[in-house]
Amino acid sequence: MPPLSSLPITGPDAPEQRHLRLGFLPLSDCAPLLVASRLNLGRRYGLTLELCRQPSWSVLRERLYRGELDAAQSLYGMAYAMALGIGGPQLDTAVLMTLNQNGQAITLARPLADALQAGQPLREVLLGRGGRPSFAHTLSAGTHALWLNYWLAANEIDPLKEVDSVTLPPAAMAAAMARSGLDGFCCGEPWPSVAEADGSGRCVISSSQIWPDHPEKVLLCRRELAEQRPNTARALVKTLLDACRWLDDPVHRCQAAEWLAEPGLIGLPAELIAPRLIGTELAPGARPLRFYADGEVNYPYLSDAEWFIGQFRRWGLLQEEVAPALAAEVNQTRLYREAAGQLGVPLPQGERRSSVLIDGQRWGGWGKTRPLQEAAPELA
């Protein structure tokens, strides 16, 4: 990999805060933070990084509230739930960049997955037995709950009225399926692979089949860091861009799988982590986990943020109107452009992108003047 340029770490461009505590969960897509730490990539920008492993997204969220973490790997939906005061106190948040796309999956208990594979419609598989199926996700306003809801609704199943949902940490899901009769769950790798390895479940659809190249985890901080310590925020973005770029090499991903397998990280065999991290064992139609792709992954598009806000409204998590400017206030596109431009990372021309989801709906954001109340019906 050719060297990336860097700015001097002294003078007016020096970071205002040099040591940063970064929160993460033991998931395959925490790899950019791990790589940045292991390779000491922050050094060229004047930063030292302290990785802080968290047991669940709710704990990570609370530590961000209390200021015990300076920044974190975050579910995209969680960044906006905190900004809107959904599920906890309101906190002005800042999304500095997208860390990855794709890499999540919905897993069904083995008998249900077998019936689905045999050609039975999903509604019949889940509801034909009588009673309500039970599914787990990671946070009510997180990405996994929204992938699950969108998939169920696309198959004419009401996730609010016909399904029971519980919140679990990702690492607890495969065990819950094996022991307590959980019918399905949605979370990130390697935990779907664990359910397949122990025979309790099978991945039936990847998140990339729900929304191809969807945003998943973001680099999140309190907005005061981005506004009051912008040099620090830019240095952190550049550090993570270097890490994401390093991960584009399959050989490097093999090394990352070895690091992720260590007891202080995920603590599972690398052979269980590597295939889907590298992208060699994907379901037909699934897209691989992406970290960089010549900068395509990392831009914090406003349309991505607007999709999550619209889904909050669709599923009753948000009742009041939201100012159309909120996405631009949270997603630090100007700061990202400055940091990426200093590294020569390609930048998109616009702030929004267009995607077609599993139900055939095209999403391209609200636009510059279109009010939320006009955009929301398209999501129903």
Protein backbone atom coordinates (compact mmCIF):
# COMPACT_ATOMS: atom_id res chain seq x y z
CA MET A 1 0.00 0.00 0.00
CA PRO A 2 1.56 3.35 -0.96
CA PRO A 3 2.10 5.72 1.94
CA LEU A 4 -0.58 8.26 2.74
CA SER A 5 0.40 11.86 3.18
CA SER A 6 0.02 13.59 6.51
CA LEU A 7 0.11 17.04 7.99
CA PRO A 8 2.63 18.16 10.61
CA ILE A 9 1.63 17.36 14.17
CA THR A 10 2.84 20.68 15.56
CA GLY A 11 1.69 24.23 14.99
CA PRO A 12 -1.85 25.30 14.13
CA ASP A 13 -2.80 21.88 12.75
CA ALA A 14 -1.81 19.94 15.88
CA PRO A 15 -4.65 18.09 17.62
CA GLU A 16 -6.05 19.92 20.62
CA GLN A 17 -6.47 16.56 22.41
CA ARG A 18 -3.83 13.92 21.76
CA HIS A 19 -5.11 10.89 23.68
CA LEU A 20 -8.51 9.47 22.76
CA ARG A 21 -10.58 6.69 24.37
CA LEU A 22 -12.44 4.80 21.64
CA GLY A 23 -15.35 2.51 22.47
CA PHE A 24 -16.12 -0.62 20.45
CA LEU A 25 -18.03 -3.90 20.58
CA PRO A 26 -16.40 -7.29 19.81
CA LEU A 27 -17.59 -7.59 16.21
CA SER A 28 -15.83 -8.20 12.93
CA ASP A 29 -16.59 -4.67 11.79
CA CYS A 30 -14.72 -3.13 14.72
CA ALA A 31 -11.63 -3.98 12.63
CA PRO A 32 -10.80 -0.36 11.64
CA LEU A 33 -10.44 0.69 15.29
CA LEU A 34 -8.37 -2.40 16.08
CA VAL A 35 -6.10 -1.87 13.07
CA ALA A 36 -5.63 1.81 13.92
CA SER A 37 -4.55 0.83 17.43
CA ARG A 38 -2.34 -2.16 16.53
CA LEU A 39 -0.48 -0.28 13.77
CA ASN A 40 -0.32 2.94 15.79
CA LEU A 41 -1.75 4.80 12.81
CA GLY A 42 -2.65 7.83 14.91
CA ARG A 43 0.99 8.62 15.57
CA ARG A 44 1.54 10.40 12.25
CA TYR A 45 -1.35 12.72 13.15
CA GLY A 46 -0.33 13.30 16.75
CA LEU A 47 -2.82 10.92 18.37
CA THR A 48 -2.64 7.99 20.75
CA LEU A 49 -5.64 5.67 20.87
CA GLU A 50 -6.97 3.67 23.81
CA LEU A 51 -9.47 0.98 22.81
CA CYS A 52 -12.26 0.40 25.34
CA ARG A 53 -14.20 -2.84 24.81
CA GLN A 54 -17.90 -2.55 25.73
CA PRO A 55 -20.32 -5.40 26.58
CA SER A 56 -23.33 -3.94 24.75
CA TRP A 57 -24.50 -0.97 22.70
CA SER A 58 -26.53 0.35 25.63
CA VAL A 59 -23.42 0.44 27.83
CA LEU A 60 -21.41 2.12 25.07
CA ARG A 61 -24.19 4.69 24.70
CA GLU A 62 -24.20 5.43 28.43
CA ARG A 63 -20.43 5.92 28.47
CA LEU A 64 -20.73 8.40 25.60
CA TYR A 65 -23.43 10.25 27.54
CA ARG A 66 -21.17 10.48 30.57
CA GLY A 67 -18.13 11.55 28.57
CA GLU A 68 -16.16 8.43 29.55
CA LEU A 69 -15.50 7.75 25.87
CA ASP A 70 -14.19 10.38 23.47
CA ALA A 71 -15.48 8.61 20.36
CA ALA A 72 -16.77 5.18 19.42
CA GLN A 73 -17.74 2.68 16.79
CA SER A 74 -21.51 3.15 16.73
CA LEU A 75 -24.62 1.76 15.13
CA TYR A 76 -25.75 4.40 12.66
CA GLY A 77 -29.24 4.44 14.14
CA MET A 78 -27.89 4.94 17.64
CA ALA A 79 -26.14 8.14 16.59
CA TYR A 80 -29.49 9.65 15.60
CA ALA A 81 -31.45 8.15 18.47
CA MET A 82 -29.11 9.98 20.84
CA ALA A 83 -29.41 13.22 18.84
CA LEU A 84 -33.22 12.95 18.99
CA GLY A 85 -33.49 11.75 22.59
CA ILE A 86 -34.96 8.35 21.63
CA GLY A 87 -34.43 5.76 24.36
CA GLY A 88 -32.44 8.10 26.59
CA PRO A 89 -31.42 11.71 27.18
CA GLN A 90 -30.85 13.95 24.19
CA LEU A 91 -27.20 14.50 23.30
CA ASP A 92 -25.78 16.55 20.46
CA THR A 93 -23.82 13.95 18.50
CA ALA A 94 -21.48 14.09 15.52
CA VAL A 95 -21.03 11.41 12.87
CA LEU A 96 -17.47 11.87 11.62
CA MET A 97 -17.42 9.14 8.95
CA THR A 98 -18.90 5.80 7.94
CA LEU A 99 -16.69 2.91 9.07
CA ASN A 100 -18.18 0.09 7.03
CA GLN A 101 -20.96 -1.11 4.78
CA ASN A 102 -22.79 -4.47 4.80
CA GLY A 103 -21.67 -7.36 7.04
CA GLN A 104 -24.84 -8.06 9.07
CA ALA A 105 -27.30 -10.94 8.78
CA ILE A 106 -30.66 -12.27 9.88
CA THR A 107 -30.43 -15.78 11.30
CA LEU A 108 -33.36 -18.16 11.83
CA ALA A 109 -33.49 -21.22 14.04
CA ARG A 110 -32.52 -24.27 12.00
CA PRO A 111 -36.04 -25.80 11.57
CA LEU A 112 -37.43 -22.45 10.38
CA ALA A 113 -34.49 -21.85 8.05
CA ASP A 114 -34.95 -25.35 6.58
CA ALA A 115 -38.64 -24.68 5.94
CA LEU A 116 -37.82 -21.36 4.27
CA GLN A 117 -35.17 -23.00 2.11
CA ALA A 118 -37.72 -25.65 1.09
CA GLY A 119 -39.82 -22.91 -0.47
CA GLN A 120 -42.40 -22.02 2.17
CA PRO A 121 -43.28 -18.30 2.31
CA LEU A 122 -41.74 -16.48 5.25
CA ARG A 123 -45.15 -15.53 6.66
CA GLU A 124 -46.20 -19.18 6.71
CA VAL A 125 -42.88 -20.26 8.23
CA LEU A 126 -43.06 -17.75 11.07
CA LEU A 127 -46.78 -17.45 11.77
CA GLY A 128 -48.19 -20.76 10.59
CA ARG A 129 -47.26 -22.50 13.85
CA GLY A 130 -49.53 -20.32 15.99
CA GLY A 131 -48.21 -17.83 18.51
CA ARG A 132 -45.79 -15.00 17.90
CA PRO A 133 -42.23 -15.66 16.78
CA SER A 134 -39.47 -14.21 18.96
CA PHE A 135 -36.59 -12.23 17.47
CA ALA A 136 -33.60 -10.52 19.01
CA HIS A 137 -31.85 -7.37 17.88
CA THR A 138 -29.23 -5.16 19.50
CA LEU A 139 -31.06 -1.86 20.18
CA SER A 140 -34.57 -0.64 19.37
CA ALA A 141 -33.24 2.31 17.35
CA GLY A 142 -30.16 0.51 16.08
CA THR A 143 -29.47 -0.76 12.62
CA HIS A 144 -30.30 -4.39 13.38
CA ALA A 145 -33.83 -3.67 14.57
CA LEU A 146 -34.40 -1.64 11.41
CA TRP A 147 -32.99 -4.31 9.05
CA LEU A 148 -35.21 -6.85 10.78
CA ASN A 149 -38.31 -4.64 10.62
CA TYR A 150 -37.75 -3.76 6.98
CA TRP A 151 -37.30 -7.41 5.97
CA LEU A 152 -40.39 -8.57 7.85
CA ALA A 153 -42.53 -5.75 6.44
CA ALA A 154 -41.30 -6.52 2.90
CA ASN A 155 -42.66 -10.03 3.50
CA GLU A 156 -46.05 -8.73 4.72
CA ILE A 157 -45.36 -9.36 8.40
CA ASP A 158 -46.01 -6.53 10.86
CA PRO A 159 -42.93 -6.44 13.14
CA LEU A 160 -44.81 -4.44 15.78
CA LYS A 161 -48.00 -6.52 15.98
CA GLU A 162 -47.04 -10.02 14.91
CA VAL A 163 -43.54 -10.50 16.31
CA ASP A 164 -42.06 -10.35 19.81
CA SER A 165 -38.70 -8.59 20.00
CA VAL A 166 -36.01 -8.62 22.66
CA THR A 167 -32.75 -6.71 22.94
CA LEU A 168 -29.54 -8.68 23.46
CA PRO A 169 -25.82 -8.00 23.07
CA PRO A 170 -24.53 -9.54 19.83
CA ALA A 171 -22.33 -12.04 21.67
CA ALA A 172 -25.37 -13.45 23.50
CA MET A 173 -27.55 -14.16 20.47
CA ALA A 174 -26.26 -17.50 19.23
CA ALA A 175 -26.32 -18.91 22.76
CA ALA A 176 -29.87 -17.63 23.28
CA MET A 177 -30.98 -19.37 20.10
CA ALA A 178 -29.32 -22.62 21.15
CA ARG A 179 -30.68 -22.59 24.72
CA SER A 180 -33.96 -20.70 24.91
CA GLY A 181 -35.79 -21.26 21.67
CA LEU A 182 -35.19 -17.86 20.10
CA ASP A 183 -36.68 -18.00 16.61
CA GLY A 184 -34.33 -15.53 14.99
CA PHE A 185 -31.92 -12.68 15.45
CA CYS A 186 -30.22 -9.90 13.54
CA CYS A 187 -26.69 -8.79 14.34
CA GLY A 188 -23.20 -8.52 12.91
CA GLU A 189 -20.53 -11.11 12.31
CA PRO A 190 -19.12 -13.32 13.63
CA TRP A 191 -22.17 -14.20 15.73
CA PRO A 192 -24.34 -15.45 12.82
CA SER A 193 -21.40 -17.72 11.92
CA VAL A 194 -21.36 -19.01 15.51
CA ALA A 195 -25.03 -20.05 15.24
CA GLU A 196 -24.30 -21.86 11.99
CA ALA A 197 -21.23 -23.57 13.45
CA ASP A 198 -23.09 -24.92 16.49
CA GLY A 199 -26.07 -26.01 14.37
CA SER A 200 -28.66 -23.86 16.12
CA GLY A 201 -29.36 -21.50 13.24
CA ARG A 202 -28.70 -20.50 9.68
CA CYS A 203 -28.32 -17.11 8.01
CA VAL A 204 -31.27 -16.63 5.69
CA ILE A 205 -30.57 -13.14 4.38
CA SER A 206 -27.72 -10.68 4.62
CA SER A 207 -28.26 -7.01 5.34
CA SER A 208 -26.73 -6.21 1.94
CA GLN A 209 -29.68 -8.01 0.34
CA ILE A 210 -32.04 -5.67 2.19
CA TRP A 211 -30.10 -2.53 1.23
CA PRO A 212 -27.06 -3.12 -1.02
CA ASP A 213 -23.98 -1.37 0.37
CA HIS A 214 -25.93 0.12 3.25
CA PRO A 215 -24.16 2.17 5.92
CA GLU A 216 -23.64 0.20 9.11
CA LYS A 217 -21.20 1.46 11.75
CA VAL A 218 -20.09 5.07 12.02
CA LEU A 219 -17.42 6.93 13.95
CA LEU A 220 -19.41 8.82 16.58
CA CYS A 221 -18.50 11.47 19.11
CA ARG A 222 -20.12 14.23 21.11
CA ARG A 223 -20.62 17.24 18.86
CA GLU A 224 -18.52 19.40 21.16
CA LEU A 225 -15.42 17.42 20.13
CA ALA A 226 -16.01 18.16 16.45
CA GLU A 227 -16.81 21.82 17.11
CA GLN A 228 -14.35 22.67 19.87
CA ARG A 229 -11.46 20.35 18.89
CA PRO A 230 -11.71 20.16 15.09
CA ASN A 231 -8.01 19.35 14.59
CA THR A 232 -8.47 16.32 16.83
CA ALA A 233 -11.58 15.24 14.93
CA ARG A 234 -9.83 15.59 11.56
CA ALA A 235 -6.81 13.67 12.84
CA LEU A 236 -9.09 10.87 14.04
CA VAL A 237 -10.87 10.70 10.68
CA LYS A 238 -7.53 10.49 8.86
CA THR A 239 -6.36 7.76 11.23
CA LEU A 240 -9.46 5.66 10.59
CA LEU A 241 -9.30 6.29 6.84
CA ASP A 242 -5.77 4.87 6.89
CA ALA A 243 -7.08 1.82 8.79
CA CYS A 244 -10.01 1.31 6.43
CA ARG A 245 -7.70 1.56 3.43
CA TRP A 246 -5.31 -0.99 4.96
CA LEU A 247 -8.24 -3.41 5.31
CA ASP A 248 -8.91 -3.37 1.56
CA ASP A 249 -6.07 -5.88 1.12
CA PRO A 250 -7.34 -9.49 1.66
CA VAL A 251 -3.98 -10.45 3.18
CA HIS A 252 -4.39 -7.69 5.73
CA ARG A 253 -7.90 -8.90 6.52
CA CYS A 254 -6.44 -12.31 7.36
CA GLN A 255 -4.12 -10.58 9.82
CA ALA A 256 -7.05 -8.61 11.24
CA ALA A 257 -8.96 -11.87 11.76
CA GLU A 258 -6.06 -13.19 13.86
CA TRP A 259 -6.12 -10.04 15.99
CA LEU A 260 -9.91 -10.14 16.37
CA ALA A 261 -9.68 -13.76 17.54
CA GLU A 262 -7.66 -12.84 20.61
CA PRO A 263 -9.33 -13.25 24.05
CA GLY A 264 -9.43 -9.50 24.73
CA LEU A 265 -11.29 -8.88 21.49
CA ILE A 266 -13.82 -11.40 20.12
CA GLY A 267 -12.20 -14.50 21.58
CA LEU A 268 -13.28 -16.96 18.88
CA PRO A 269 -11.16 -19.00 16.45
CA ALA A 270 -9.86 -16.96 13.53
CA GLU A 271 -11.18 -19.68 11.22
CA LEU A 272 -14.70 -18.67 12.27
CA ILE A 273 -14.09 -14.95 11.79
CA ALA A 274 -11.99 -14.82 8.62
CA PRO A 275 -14.28 -16.19 5.88
CA ARG A 276 -16.95 -13.51 6.07
CA LEU A 277 -14.47 -10.80 7.03
CA ILE A 278 -12.56 -11.60 3.84
CA GLY A 279 -15.74 -12.27 1.84
CA THR A 280 -15.05 -15.85 0.76
CA GLU A 281 -18.17 -17.47 2.28
CA LEU A 282 -21.13 -15.30 1.39
CA ALA A 283 -24.70 -16.32 0.67
CA PRO A 284 -25.80 -16.03 -2.98
CA GLY A 285 -26.66 -12.40 -3.66
CA ALA A 286 -24.87 -11.05 -0.59
CA ARG A 287 -22.28 -8.31 -0.87
CA PRO A 288 -19.03 -8.38 1.11
CA LEU A 289 -18.16 -6.30 4.13
CA ARG A 290 -16.64 -3.06 2.85
CA PHE A 291 -14.37 -0.68 4.77
CA TYR A 292 -12.90 1.67 2.13
CA ALA A 293 -13.34 0.83 -1.59
CA ASP A 294 -11.38 3.88 -2.75
CA GLY A 295 -13.28 6.08 -0.32
CA GLU A 296 -16.77 5.05 -1.50
CA VAL A 297 -17.63 3.62 1.92
CA ASN A 298 -16.63 6.41 4.24
CA TYR A 299 -18.50 9.56 3.23
CA PRO A 300 -21.23 10.44 5.80
CA TYR A 301 -24.02 10.95 3.26
CA LEU A 302 -26.99 13.02 4.42
CA SER A 303 -29.37 10.66 2.62
CA ASP A 304 -28.13 7.75 4.75
CA ALA A 305 -28.94 9.69 7.92
CA GLU A 306 -32.36 10.72 6.58
CA TRP A 307 -33.25 7.09 5.93
CA PHE A 308 -32.75 6.23 9.60
CA ILE A 309 -34.84 9.19 10.77
CA GLY A 310 -37.61 8.13 8.40
CA GLN A 311 -37.52 4.58 9.76
CA PHE A 312 -37.82 5.93 13.31
CA ARG A 313 -41.07 7.57 12.25
CA ARG A 314 -42.27 4.51 10.39
CA TRP A 315 -41.95 2.30 13.47
CA GLY A 316 -43.30 4.76 16.05
CA LEU A 317 -40.00 5.63 17.71
CA LEU A 318 -40.38 9.27 16.72
CA GLN A 319 -43.63 11.24 16.76
CA GLU A 320 -42.65 14.88 16.38
CA GLU A 321 -41.46 16.65 13.24
CA VAL A 322 -37.72 16.80 12.68
CA ALA A 323 -35.98 19.82 11.19
CA PRO A 324 -34.63 18.90 7.74
CA ALA A 325 -31.32 20.47 8.79
CA LEU A 326 -30.69 17.83 11.47
CA ALA A 327 -28.76 15.49 9.18
CA ALA A 328 -26.40 18.29 8.18
CA GLU A 329 -25.89 19.22 11.84
CA VAL A 330 -24.98 15.67 12.90
CA ASN A 331 -23.10 14.38 9.84
CA GLN A 332 -19.87 16.33 9.70
CA THR A 333 -19.52 16.39 5.93
CA ARG A 334 -17.36 19.54 5.81
CA LEU A 335 -14.94 18.18 8.40
CA TYR A 336 -14.81 14.85 6.58
CA ARG A 337 -14.13 16.57 3.25
CA GLU A 338 -11.26 18.49 4.82
CA ALA A 339 -9.69 15.38 6.34
CA ALA A 340 -10.19 13.17 3.29
CA GLY A 341 -9.00 15.91 0.95
CA GLN A 342 -5.74 16.18 2.87
CA LEU A 343 -5.16 12.47 2.21
CA GLY A 344 -6.21 12.55 -1.42
CA VAL A 345 -9.21 10.30 -0.75
CA PRO A 346 -11.79 10.63 -3.56
CA LEU A 347 -14.90 12.61 -2.60
CA PRO A 348 -18.43 12.47 -4.03
CA GLN A 349 -19.87 15.50 -5.74
CA GLY A 350 -23.09 15.56 -3.73
CA GLU A 351 -24.31 14.95 -0.19
CA ARG A 352 -26.81 12.26 -1.15
CA ARG A 353 -26.79 8.93 -2.96
CA SER A 354 -29.53 6.72 -4.37
CA SER A 355 -30.23 3.08 -3.52
CA VAL A 356 -32.97 0.51 -4.22
CA LEU A 357 -34.00 -1.62 -1.25
CA ILE A 358 -35.40 -5.14 -1.07
CA ASP A 359 -39.01 -4.05 -1.58
CA GLY A 360 -38.17 -2.10 -4.73
CA GLN A 361 -38.34 1.28 -3.03
CA ARG A 362 -35.71 3.78 -4.22
CA TRP A 363 -34.18 5.94 -1.51
CA GLY A 364 -32.24 9.10 -2.25
CA GLY A 365 -32.93 11.29 0.77
CA TRP A 366 -35.31 14.16 1.36
CA GLY A 367 -33.58 16.57 -0.97
CA LYS A 368 -32.63 20.13 -0.15
CA THR A 369 -36.14 21.52 0.28
CA ARG A 370 -38.47 18.55 0.58
CA PRO A 371 -40.08 18.41 4.05
CA LEU A 372 -40.00 15.23 6.11
CA GLN A 373 -43.77 14.83 6.16
CA GLU A 374 -43.75 14.44 2.36
CA ALA A 375 -40.88 11.94 2.34
CA ALA A 376 -42.09 9.68 5.15
CA PRO A 377 -44.95 7.96 3.23
CA GLU A 378 -42.46 6.50 0.77
CA LEU A 379 -41.03 4.46 3.63
CA ALA A 380 -44.31 2.93 4.71
